[in-house]
C-alpha atoms as a PDB file:
ATOM      1  CA  MET A   1     -98.593 -39.548 -13.978  1.00  0.00           C
ATOM      2  CA  SER A   2     -95.369 -37.791 -14.703  1.00  0.00           C
ATOM      3  CA  ASP A   3     -91.883 -39.235 -14.187  1.00  0.00           C
ATOM      4  CA  SER A   4     -90.431 -35.831 -13.545  1.00  0.00           C
ATOM      5  CA  VAL A   5     -89.685 -34.715 -10.028  1.00  0.00           C
ATOM      6  CA  PRO A   6     -91.281 -31.500  -8.953  1.00  0.00           C
ATOM      7  CA  GLU A   7     -88.831 -28.681  -8.389  1.00  0.00           C
ATOM      8  CA  ALA A   8     -89.918 -28.110  -4.804  1.00  0.00           C
ATOM      9  CA  GLU A   9     -88.671 -31.556  -3.762  1.00  0.00           C
ATOM     10  CA  THR A  10     -85.200 -31.240  -5.255  1.00  0.00           C
ATOM     11  CA  GLU A  11     -82.684 -29.731  -2.925  1.00  0.00           C
ATOM     12  CA  ALA A  12     -79.603 -28.052  -4.153  1.00  0.00           C
ATOM     13  CA  ALA A  13     -76.532 -29.752  -2.809  1.00  0.00           C
ATOM     14  CA  PRO A  14     -74.562 -27.360  -0.626  1.00  0.00           C
ATOM     15  CA  GLU A  15     -71.373 -26.261  -2.278  1.00  0.00           C
ATOM     16  CA  ALA A  16     -68.276 -27.711  -0.670  1.00  0.00           C
ATOM     17  CA  VAL A  17     -66.407 -24.964   1.101  1.00  0.00           C
ATOM     18  CA  PRO A  18     -62.679 -25.666   1.171  1.00  0.00           C
ATOM     19  CA  GLU A  19     -61.292 -25.663   4.686  1.00  0.00           C
ATOM     20  CA  ALA A  20     -59.043 -22.768   5.418  1.00  0.00           C
ATOM     21  CA  GLU A  21     -55.428 -23.730   5.849  1.00  0.00           C
ATOM     22  CA  PRO A  22     -54.240 -23.162   9.403  1.00  0.00           C
ATOM     23  CA  ALA A  23     -52.305 -19.959   9.744  1.00  0.00           C
ATOM     24  CA  TYR A  24     -48.626 -20.227  10.588  1.00  0.00           C
ATOM     25  CA  ASP A  25     -48.159 -19.868  14.321  1.00  0.00           C
ATOM     26  CA  PRO A  26     -44.531 -19.161  15.227  1.00  0.00           C
ATOM     27  CA  ALA A  27     -45.275 -19.981  18.879  1.00  0.00           C
ATOM     28  CA  ALA A  28     -46.550 -23.475  18.032  1.00  0.00           C
ATOM     29  CA  PRO A  29     -44.268 -26.467  18.677  1.00  0.00           C
ATOM     30  CA  ALA A  30     -42.129 -27.338  15.670  1.00  0.00           C
ATOM     31  CA  PRO A  31     -39.732 -30.239  15.158  1.00  0.00           C
ATOM     32  CA  LEU A  32     -36.079 -29.342  15.548  1.00  0.00           C
ATOM     33  CA  ASN A  33     -35.067 -31.978  12.965  1.00  0.00           C
ATOM     34  CA  VAL A  34     -31.822 -32.747  14.757  1.00  0.00           C
ATOM     35  CA  ASP A  35     -30.193 -35.928  13.497  1.00  0.00           C
ATOM     36  CA  ARG A  36     -29.396 -38.459  16.189  1.00  0.00           C
ATOM     37  CA  ALA A  37     -26.675 -40.951  15.303  1.00  0.00           C
ATOM     38  CA  PRO A  38     -26.809 -44.270  17.166  1.00  0.00           C
ATOM     39  CA  SER A  39     -24.167 -44.558  19.875  1.00  0.00           C
ATOM     40  CA  GLY A  40     -24.044 -48.347  19.969  1.00  0.00           C
ATOM     41  CA  ASN A  41     -25.265 -48.439  23.584  1.00  0.00           C
ATOM     42  CA  ALA A  42     -28.959 -49.338  23.857  1.00  0.00           C
ATOM     43  CA  ASP A  43     -29.498 -47.355  27.079  1.00  0.00           C
ATOM     44  CA  VAL A  44     -27.912 -44.217  25.652  1.00  0.00           C
ATOM     45  CA  ASP A  45     -29.771 -44.565  22.343  1.00  0.00           C
ATOM     46  CA  ALA A  46     -33.096 -44.881  24.192  1.00  0.00           C
ATOM     47  CA  GLN A  47     -32.405 -41.688  26.120  1.00  0.00           C
ATOM     48  CA  LEU A  48     -31.312 -39.788  23.015  1.00  0.00           C
ATOM     49  CA  GLY A  49     -34.395 -41.024  21.191  1.00  0.00           C
ATOM     50  CA  ARG A  50     -36.507 -39.518  23.958  1.00  0.00           C
ATOM     51  CA  LEU A  51     -35.289 -36.077  22.874  1.00  0.00           C
ATOM     52  CA  ALA A  52     -37.701 -36.402  19.951  1.00  0.00           C
ATOM     53  CA  ASP A  53     -40.513 -35.863  22.484  1.00  0.00           C
ATOM     54  CA  THR A  54     -39.580 -32.187  22.577  1.00  0.00           C
ATOM     55  CA  ASP A  55     -40.594 -31.826  18.924  1.00  0.00           C
ATOM     56  CA  HIS A  56     -44.256 -31.849  19.952  1.00  0.00           C
ATOM     57  CA  LEU A  57     -44.042 -29.807  23.168  1.00  0.00           C
ATOM     58  CA  ALA A  58     -44.107 -26.122  23.808  1.00  0.00           C
ATOM     59  CA  THR A  59     -40.799 -24.665  24.943  1.00  0.00           C
ATOM     60  CA  ASP A  60     -41.785 -24.676  28.610  1.00  0.00           C
ATOM     61  CA  GLY A  61     -42.207 -28.477  28.411  1.00  0.00           C
ATOM     62  CA  HIS A  62     -38.657 -29.051  27.144  1.00  0.00           C
ATOM     63  CA  VAL A  63     -37.025 -28.657  30.561  1.00  0.00           C
ATOM     64  CA  GLU A  64     -38.741 -31.718  31.983  1.00  0.00           C
ATOM     65  CA  VAL A  65     -37.666 -33.880  29.033  1.00  0.00           C
ATOM     66  CA  TYR A  66     -34.081 -32.564  29.117  1.00  0.00           C
ATOM     67  CA  GLU A  67     -33.790 -33.229  32.850  1.00  0.00           C
ATOM     68  CA  ASP A  68     -35.191 -36.738  32.417  1.00  0.00           C
ATOM     69  CA  VAL A  69     -32.783 -37.489  29.552  1.00  0.00           C
ATOM     70  CA  HIS A  70     -29.861 -36.075  31.544  1.00  0.00           C
ATOM     71  CA  ARG A  71     -30.789 -38.283  34.512  1.00  0.00           C
ATOM     72  CA  GLY A  72     -31.034 -41.322  32.220  1.00  0.00           C
ATOM     73  CA  LEU A  73     -27.647 -40.627  30.605  1.00  0.00           C
ATOM     74  CA  ARG A  74     -26.056 -40.165  34.020  1.00  0.00           C
ATOM     75  CA  ASP A  75     -27.544 -43.514  35.138  1.00  0.00           C
ATOM     76  CA  ALA A  76     -26.228 -45.187  31.958  1.00  0.00           C
ATOM     77  CA  LEU A  77     -22.723 -43.858  32.662  1.00  0.00           C
ATOM     78  CA  THR A  78     -22.929 -45.008  36.273  1.00  0.00           C
ATOM     79  CA  ALA A  79     -23.962 -48.464  35.096  1.00  0.00           C
ATOM     80  CA  LEU A  80     -20.903 -48.597  32.834  1.00  0.00           C
ATOM     81  CA  ASP A  81     -18.654 -47.823  35.806  1.00  0.00           C
ATOM     82  CA  ALA A  82     -20.355 -50.501  37.920  1.00  0.00           C
ATOM     83  CA  ARG A  83     -19.784 -53.328  35.440  1.00  0.00           C
ATOM     84  CA  PRO A  84     -16.975 -55.634  36.368  1.00  0.00           C
ATOM     85  CA  GLY A  85     -14.027 -55.222  34.080  1.00  0.00           C
ATOM     86  CA  PRO A  86     -11.615 -57.900  32.942  1.00  0.00           C
ATOM     87  CA  PRO A  87      -9.623 -59.567  35.683  1.00  0.00           C
ATOM     88  CA  ALA A  88      -6.353 -57.960  36.608  1.00  0.00           C
ATOM     89  CA  PRO A  89      -3.311 -59.612  35.027  1.00  0.00           C
ATOM     90  CA  PRO A  90      -1.377 -61.908  37.327  1.00  0.00           C
ATOM     91  CA  SER A  91       1.555 -60.364  39.067  1.00  0.00           C
ATOM     92  CA  THR A  92       4.967 -61.397  37.725  1.00  0.00           C
ATOM     93  CA  TYR A  93       6.423 -60.789  41.109  1.00  0.00           C
ATOM     94  CA  GLY A  94       6.151 -63.458  43.757  1.00  0.00           C
ATOM     95  CA  THR A  95       4.652 -62.710  47.086  1.00  0.00           C
ATOM     96  CA  ARG A  96       7.165 -61.159  49.418  1.00  0.00           C
ATOM     97  CA  SER A  97       7.188 -61.519  53.125  1.00  0.00           C
END
């Protein structure tokens, strides 16, 4: 009895073929890498943060995001106008009849 393995039973391990790197596609979505500074208003910052969604969309998908962000910013501005401001200062003039 031999401890050696017959050659017919040994299989050569397939050589690892390196995966080809994906070719550069100029039409593929690419991040714009635009810095977004916080505004200090949570509603506005949320809308501006949504602009990052365009980094992963084709150009024809940008319009929907831009329109949605524009609508959200307009709503945020409207909400600022609707907030009650400080009370008006009392009049120094007495009531006249």
